[in-house]
Amino acid sequence: MSDVGKLNGWIPIDAVVSGGKPGLLWMDFRGQKFSEPFFQQTVERLRNQSPKPEEFFTEFDTVLEFEQVAAGLKPDGFIFHSSRCGSTLLANALKCLQGSIVVSEASCIDKLVARFITDAAADHKKQILYSVILRGVVHALGQRHCGDERRFFVKFSCCSTEQLNRIQKIWPDVPWVFLYRDPVETIVSNLKTKPEWLVDPDRRILASIAGIEIKDIDAMSLEELCARSVGKFYLSAHQLANERSLLLNYSQLSAPTFLQVLQFFSINPTREELEAIERVSQVYSKDIDAPRSFSRDSESKRNSASSLVTEMALTWASHSYGMLENKRRMTVAA
């Protein structure tokens, strides 16, 4: 695989260290689709099939060479979010579009974005290097694997919102949507099923997002850590939202809202695509085996919130949430 031209149809599935060298793990993805709600679920499905696709490791420079020779779709839109707020439902709706590629929270993307925090925070040259590598990885993920693909969307993890400004600089012309939800509801959801970013043993990313020192994390409750982080996500989106962005509250989620998003991404869906989106909007977004009906749980989450959750949301997230809501309403009014 020294000839990068032979990588056509292969995609980077993770950023890893092999033999002491940082680089990418690739998988033969020819003829495959990102069918599952999350990128990693698709990878695991392929790993469990027989025969399973071949995988191999390359150093980062390979993806830079590959970008120069491989054809790939340019991103049509990005999805950012504040966690547990309907972003997966939107990603699933975009998958209803004929010929769409929707990459949802790919490990290789999220780990590279994290390196801006863990390895390049004070090193301008490394920041440039990781920006170039990230661009190459996204390019590789935008390859046509079945021949009919013509649209390409990327959904980032919530932690990537911390680096939204840097991602904007890499792709200044790509429109993006930011989904968010009431902070109390968001915190309750994250405490019920704790996400990896909130309990990751490597505390550098969480400390950077929450705006605290690593040594202070252990003294804080998960309620406070989550509230601080969610508040920062709101603040980043509020500061960076512009004419290339669309703010979307969880309370707005519906098939008509998804049509609004498509129009924002300059897409005019067919009747069949709209009908498929209508069906998807009625199903719980993360189910892959036994679909459940989607139902709003805002009231139940607020009712189940502890006094500590309410206090932390008010202290660390409610103000930036309010600013974001005001900006969204002003944009709609305009």
Protein backbone atom coordinates (compact mmCIF):
# COMPACT_ATOMS: atom_id res chain seq x y z
CA MET A 1 0.00 0.00 0.00
CA SER A 2 2.93 2.35 -0.49
CA ASP A 3 1.23 3.59 -3.66
CA VAL A 4 -1.42 6.01 -2.38
CA GLY A 5 -3.41 5.48 -5.57
CA LYS A 6 -4.26 2.00 -4.30
CA LEU A 7 -6.07 3.60 -1.38
CA ASN A 8 -9.05 4.55 -3.53
CA GLY A 9 -12.12 3.23 -1.75
CA TRP A 10 -10.34 2.94 1.60
CA ILE A 11 -11.25 5.27 4.46
CA PRO A 12 -9.49 6.31 7.67
CA ILE A 13 -11.45 4.82 10.58
CA ASP A 14 -9.31 5.92 13.51
CA ALA A 15 -6.30 8.01 14.54
CA VAL A 16 -3.94 5.72 16.44
CA VAL A 17 -0.33 5.19 17.47
CA SER A 18 1.36 2.09 16.02
CA GLY A 19 4.95 1.16 16.75
CA GLY A 20 5.42 4.49 18.46
CA LYS A 21 4.32 6.39 15.34
CA PRO A 22 1.09 8.42 15.15
CA GLY A 23 -1.07 7.89 12.11
CA LEU A 24 -4.32 6.52 10.72
CA LEU A 25 -6.00 3.13 10.63
CA TRP A 26 -7.66 2.53 7.26
CA MET A 27 -10.41 0.11 6.17
CA ASP A 28 -11.44 -1.14 2.75
CA PHE A 29 -14.82 0.53 2.33
CA ARG A 30 -15.55 -0.16 -1.32
CA GLY A 31 -19.25 -0.75 -1.95
CA GLN A 32 -20.22 0.17 1.60
CA LYS A 33 -22.43 2.90 3.08
CA PHE A 34 -22.53 4.69 6.43
CA SER A 35 -25.88 3.14 7.26
CA GLU A 36 -25.84 3.23 11.06
CA PRO A 37 -26.55 6.32 13.21
CA PHE A 38 -22.88 6.57 14.20
CA PHE A 39 -19.67 6.04 12.24
CA GLN A 40 -18.25 3.57 14.76
CA GLN A 41 -21.38 1.42 14.54
CA THR A 42 -20.76 1.02 10.82
CA VAL A 43 -17.12 0.12 11.44
CA GLU A 44 -18.12 -2.53 14.01
CA ARG A 45 -20.73 -3.99 11.67
CA LEU A 46 -18.12 -4.43 8.95
CA ARG A 47 -15.63 -5.91 11.41
CA ASN A 48 -18.21 -8.52 12.43
CA GLN A 49 -19.11 -9.61 8.94
CA SER A 50 -17.42 -12.50 7.13
CA PRO A 51 -15.11 -11.95 5.44
CA LYS A 52 -14.34 -8.71 7.25
CA PRO A 53 -12.66 -5.86 5.37
CA GLU A 54 -8.90 -5.52 5.45
CA GLU A 55 -7.38 -2.84 7.69
CA PHE A 56 -3.91 -1.32 7.78
CA PHE A 57 -1.95 1.55 9.31
CA THR A 58 -0.19 4.51 7.68
CA GLU A 59 1.51 7.56 9.06
CA PHE A 60 -0.25 10.90 8.66
CA ASP A 61 1.70 11.97 5.59
CA THR A 62 -0.08 9.31 3.54
CA VAL A 63 -3.44 11.04 3.84
CA LEU A 64 -1.83 14.28 2.64
CA GLU A 65 -0.55 12.52 -0.47
CA PHE A 66 -3.90 10.79 -0.93
CA GLU A 67 -5.74 14.11 -0.90
CA GLN A 68 -3.73 15.22 -3.93
CA VAL A 69 -4.66 12.21 -6.08
CA ALA A 70 -8.06 10.99 -4.86
CA ALA A 71 -11.43 12.32 -5.95
CA GLY A 72 -13.67 13.27 -3.07
CA LEU A 73 -16.83 15.26 -2.53
CA LYS A 74 -16.53 18.63 -0.87
CA PRO A 75 -18.60 18.92 2.31
CA ASP A 76 -22.10 20.31 1.72
CA GLY A 77 -22.70 20.99 5.39
CA PHE A 78 -21.49 20.44 8.94
CA ILE A 79 -23.48 19.60 12.07
CA PHE A 80 -22.32 20.81 15.48
CA HIS A 81 -24.23 20.34 18.72
CA SER A 82 -24.28 20.76 22.48
CA SER A 83 -24.89 17.05 23.25
CA ARG A 84 -28.13 15.06 23.53
CA CYS A 85 -30.13 17.59 21.54
CA GLY A 86 -31.34 15.86 18.36
CA SER A 87 -28.26 16.09 16.15
CA THR A 88 -28.38 12.35 15.41
CA LEU A 89 -31.99 12.71 14.29
CA LEU A 90 -30.92 15.41 11.84
CA ALA A 91 -28.02 13.27 10.59
CA ASN A 92 -30.42 10.38 10.01
CA ALA A 93 -32.71 12.69 8.06
CA LEU A 94 -29.83 13.72 5.80
CA LYS A 95 -29.17 10.04 5.10
CA CYS A 96 -32.61 9.90 3.50
CA LEU A 97 -31.30 11.99 0.62
CA GLN A 98 -30.43 9.94 -2.44
CA GLY A 99 -26.69 9.81 -2.95
CA SER A 100 -25.76 11.29 0.42
CA ILE A 101 -22.72 10.51 2.55
CA VAL A 102 -23.26 11.33 6.22
CA VAL A 103 -20.29 10.75 8.52
CA SER A 104 -21.44 10.96 12.11
CA GLU A 105 -18.85 11.51 14.87
CA ALA A 106 -15.99 9.61 13.23
CA SER A 107 -13.19 8.73 15.65
CA CYS A 108 -10.47 9.86 13.28
CA ILE A 109 -12.04 13.33 13.00
CA ASP A 110 -12.79 13.78 16.68
CA LYS A 111 -9.34 12.64 17.79
CA LEU A 112 -7.63 15.02 15.37
CA VAL A 113 -9.78 17.92 16.57
CA ALA A 114 -8.85 16.96 20.14
CA ARG A 115 -5.16 17.24 19.28
CA PHE A 116 -5.59 20.98 18.91
CA ILE A 117 -6.10 20.89 22.66
CA THR A 118 -3.82 18.07 23.78
CA ASP A 119 -0.83 18.54 21.48
CA ALA A 120 -0.95 21.89 19.69
CA ALA A 121 -2.48 24.44 22.03
CA ALA A 122 0.68 26.55 22.21
CA ASP A 123 2.38 25.42 18.99
CA HIS A 124 1.33 27.34 15.86
CA LYS A 125 3.18 24.98 13.51
CA LYS A 126 1.40 21.95 14.95
CA GLN A 127 -1.92 23.73 14.67
CA ILE A 128 -1.30 24.20 10.95
CA LEU A 129 -0.18 20.58 10.58
CA TYR A 130 -3.24 19.15 12.29
CA SER A 131 -5.48 21.45 10.25
CA VAL A 132 -4.00 20.06 7.04
CA ILE A 133 -4.29 16.46 8.27
CA LEU A 134 -7.89 17.02 9.33
CA ARG A 135 -8.73 18.43 5.92
CA GLY A 136 -7.15 15.36 4.30
CA VAL A 137 -9.09 12.95 6.51
CA VAL A 138 -12.41 14.62 5.73
CA HIS A 139 -11.51 14.53 2.02
CA ALA A 140 -10.84 10.79 2.27
CA LEU A 141 -14.18 10.20 4.01
CA GLY A 142 -15.95 12.01 1.17
CA GLN A 143 -15.03 9.42 -1.46
CA ARG A 144 -17.73 7.85 -3.60
CA HIS A 145 -18.03 4.20 -2.57
CA CYS A 146 -21.12 3.15 -4.49
CA GLY A 147 -20.94 5.46 -7.50
CA ASP A 148 -24.10 7.55 -6.98
CA GLU A 149 -22.97 9.78 -4.11
CA ARG A 150 -23.29 13.51 -4.72
CA ARG A 151 -23.74 15.08 -1.26
CA PHE A 152 -21.49 14.94 1.78
CA PHE A 153 -22.21 15.94 5.37
CA VAL A 154 -20.14 15.66 8.54
CA LYS A 155 -21.53 15.59 12.07
CA PHE A 156 -18.90 16.45 14.67
CA SER A 157 -18.91 15.39 18.31
CA CYS A 158 -20.08 17.97 20.85
CA CYS A 159 -16.50 18.49 22.07
CA SER A 160 -15.48 19.64 18.60
CA THR A 161 -17.62 22.73 19.18
CA GLU A 162 -14.73 23.93 21.35
CA GLN A 163 -12.68 24.13 18.13
CA LEU A 164 -15.45 25.51 15.92
CA ASN A 165 -13.46 28.62 15.12
CA ARG A 166 -10.53 26.58 13.83
CA ILE A 167 -12.78 24.28 11.80
CA GLN A 168 -14.43 27.32 10.23
CA LYS A 169 -11.01 28.55 9.12
CA ILE A 170 -10.29 25.23 7.38
CA TRP A 171 -13.66 25.23 5.56
CA PRO A 172 -14.81 28.88 5.51
CA ASP A 173 -17.45 28.30 2.83
CA VAL A 174 -19.16 25.24 4.32
CA PRO A 175 -22.49 26.09 6.00
CA TRP A 176 -23.09 24.63 9.45
CA VAL A 177 -25.97 23.95 11.79
CA PHE A 178 -25.69 24.12 15.57
CA LEU A 179 -28.26 22.13 17.53
CA TYR A 180 -28.76 22.73 21.21
CA ARG A 181 -31.19 22.12 24.05
CA ASP A 182 -32.27 23.55 27.39
CA PRO A 183 -29.29 23.11 29.76
CA VAL A 184 -31.24 21.34 32.51
CA GLU A 185 -32.55 18.77 30.03
CA THR A 186 -29.09 18.34 28.53
CA ILE A 187 -27.40 17.78 31.88
CA VAL A 188 -30.05 15.30 33.02
CA SER A 189 -29.59 13.30 29.82
CA ASN A 190 -25.79 13.24 30.15
CA LEU A 191 -25.93 12.14 33.78
CA LYS A 192 -28.41 9.36 32.99
CA THR A 193 -26.13 7.87 30.32
CA LYS A 194 -22.66 9.31 30.84
CA PRO A 195 -20.84 10.12 27.60
CA GLU A 196 -17.18 9.29 27.17
CA TRP A 197 -16.11 12.93 27.03
CA LEU A 198 -17.47 13.55 30.55
CA VAL A 199 -15.67 10.61 32.19
CA ASP A 200 -12.59 10.25 29.95
CA PRO A 201 -9.49 9.48 32.11
CA ASP A 202 -7.54 11.96 29.93
CA ARG A 203 -8.93 15.09 31.53
CA ARG A 204 -7.18 17.62 29.28
CA ILE A 205 -10.07 18.00 26.86
CA LEU A 206 -12.71 18.34 29.55
CA ALA A 207 -10.57 20.84 31.45
CA SER A 208 -10.08 22.93 28.30
CA ILE A 209 -13.80 22.92 27.47
CA ALA A 210 -14.88 23.69 31.03
CA GLY A 211 -12.25 26.42 31.39
CA ILE A 212 -10.60 24.96 34.48
CA GLU A 213 -7.29 23.40 35.55
CA ILE A 214 -6.96 19.62 35.32
CA LYS A 215 -6.15 19.44 39.03
CA ASP A 216 -9.53 20.99 39.85
CA ILE A 217 -11.64 18.39 38.04
CA ASP A 218 -11.70 15.74 40.76
CA ALA A 219 -13.10 18.23 43.26
CA MET A 220 -16.07 19.03 41.03
CA SER A 221 -19.33 17.16 40.66
CA LEU A 222 -20.33 15.76 37.28
CA GLU A 223 -23.26 18.18 37.40
CA GLU A 224 -20.92 21.16 37.50
CA LEU A 225 -18.51 19.76 34.91
CA CYS A 226 -21.35 19.07 32.51
CA ALA A 227 -22.97 22.47 33.10
CA ARG A 228 -19.70 24.31 32.54
CA SER A 229 -19.04 22.37 29.33
CA VAL A 230 -22.53 22.80 27.90
CA GLY A 231 -22.38 26.51 28.72
CA LYS A 232 -19.12 26.79 26.77
CA PHE A 233 -20.69 25.01 23.78
CA TYR A 234 -23.53 27.55 23.76
CA LEU A 235 -21.07 30.41 24.07
CA SER A 236 -18.89 29.22 21.18
CA ALA A 237 -21.89 28.88 18.88
CA HIS A 238 -23.23 32.29 19.93
CA GLN A 239 -19.91 34.00 19.26
CA LEU A 240 -19.29 32.35 15.88
CA ALA A 241 -22.78 32.14 14.36
CA ASN A 242 -22.94 34.11 11.12
CA GLU A 243 -24.65 34.12 7.74
CA ARG A 244 -23.20 30.66 7.04
CA SER A 245 -24.79 29.11 10.12
CA LEU A 246 -28.23 28.03 11.33
CA LEU A 247 -29.14 27.81 15.02
CA LEU A 248 -31.64 25.10 15.85
CA ASN A 249 -33.24 24.34 19.21
CA TYR A 250 -34.31 20.80 20.11
CA SER A 251 -37.83 22.11 20.68
CA GLN A 252 -38.07 22.92 16.96
CA LEU A 253 -37.31 19.42 15.70
CA SER A 254 -39.87 18.21 13.16
CA ALA A 255 -40.07 17.17 9.53
CA PRO A 256 -40.81 20.79 8.44
CA THR A 257 -37.72 21.96 10.34
CA PHE A 258 -35.61 19.37 8.55
CA LEU A 259 -36.89 20.81 5.27
CA GLN A 260 -35.70 24.21 6.48
CA VAL A 261 -32.26 22.73 7.12
CA LEU A 262 -32.16 21.20 3.65
CA GLN A 263 -33.02 24.53 2.10
CA PHE A 264 -30.29 26.14 4.18
CA PHE A 265 -27.89 23.58 2.69
CA SER A 266 -29.22 24.53 -0.81
CA ILE A 267 -30.98 21.19 -1.29
CA ASN A 268 -34.41 20.75 -2.86
CA PRO A 269 -35.57 17.26 -1.84
CA THR A 270 -37.84 15.06 -3.90
CA ARG A 271 -41.25 13.93 -2.65
CA GLU A 272 -39.82 10.46 -1.94
CA GLU A 273 -36.99 11.96 0.11
CA LEU A 274 -39.42 14.11 2.09
CA GLU A 275 -41.57 11.06 2.84
CA ALA A 276 -38.48 9.17 4.02
CA ILE A 277 -37.49 12.09 6.26
CA GLU A 278 -41.01 12.17 7.69
CA ARG A 279 -40.67 8.49 8.64
CA VAL A 280 -37.23 8.97 10.15
CA SER A 281 -38.39 11.93 12.22
CA GLN A 282 -40.82 9.63 14.03
CA VAL A 283 -38.19 7.09 15.12
CA TYR A 284 -35.77 7.27 18.04
CA SER A 285 -32.51 8.28 16.35
CA LYS A 286 -29.99 5.97 18.02
CA ASP A 287 -31.83 2.66 17.60
CA ILE A 288 -30.31 0.32 15.03
CA ASP A 289 -31.96 -3.01 15.86
CA ALA A 290 -35.48 -2.43 17.20
CA PRO A 291 -36.69 1.07 16.29
CA ARG A 292 -38.74 2.90 18.91
CA SER A 293 -41.04 5.82 18.27
CA PHE A 294 -39.50 9.24 18.90
CA SER A 295 -41.20 11.15 21.68
CA ARG A 296 -40.24 14.41 23.33
CA ASP A 297 -39.08 14.04 26.91
CA SER A 298 -38.35 17.66 27.83
CA GLU A 299 -40.94 17.83 30.60
CA SER A 300 -39.91 14.53 32.17
CA LYS A 301 -36.25 15.53 32.14
CA ARG A 302 -36.96 18.88 33.78
CA ASN A 303 -39.16 17.19 36.39
CA SER A 304 -36.44 14.66 37.21
CA ALA A 305 -33.67 17.25 37.58
CA SER A 306 -32.09 17.42 41.01
CA SER A 307 -31.68 20.72 42.82
CA LEU A 308 -27.94 20.49 42.10
CA VAL A 309 -28.54 20.10 38.36
CA THR A 310 -30.84 23.11 38.39
CA GLU A 311 -28.34 25.17 40.37
CA MET A 312 -25.38 24.26 38.14
CA ALA A 313 -27.37 24.94 34.96
CA LEU A 314 -28.37 28.35 36.29
CA THR A 315 -24.82 29.18 37.38
CA TRP A 316 -22.85 27.96 34.35
CA ALA A 317 -25.11 27.54 31.32
CA SER A 318 -28.39 29.43 31.47
CA HIS A 319 -26.95 32.84 30.57
CA SER A 320 -25.16 31.65 27.42
CA TYR A 321 -28.22 29.56 26.51
CA GLY A 322 -30.36 32.68 26.75
CA MET A 323 -27.98 34.63 24.54
CA LEU A 324 -28.04 31.85 21.97
CA GLU A 325 -31.83 31.74 22.02
CA ASN A 326 -32.03 35.51 21.53
CA LYS A 327 -29.66 35.32 18.59
CA ARG A 328 -31.69 32.52 17.02
CA ARG A 329 -34.94 34.44 17.39
CA MET A 330 -33.40 37.62 15.97
CA THR A 331 -32.12 35.66 12.97
CA VAL A 332 -35.56 34.16 12.34
CA ALA A 333 -37.19 37.59 12.67
CA ALA A 334 -34.76 39.09 10.18
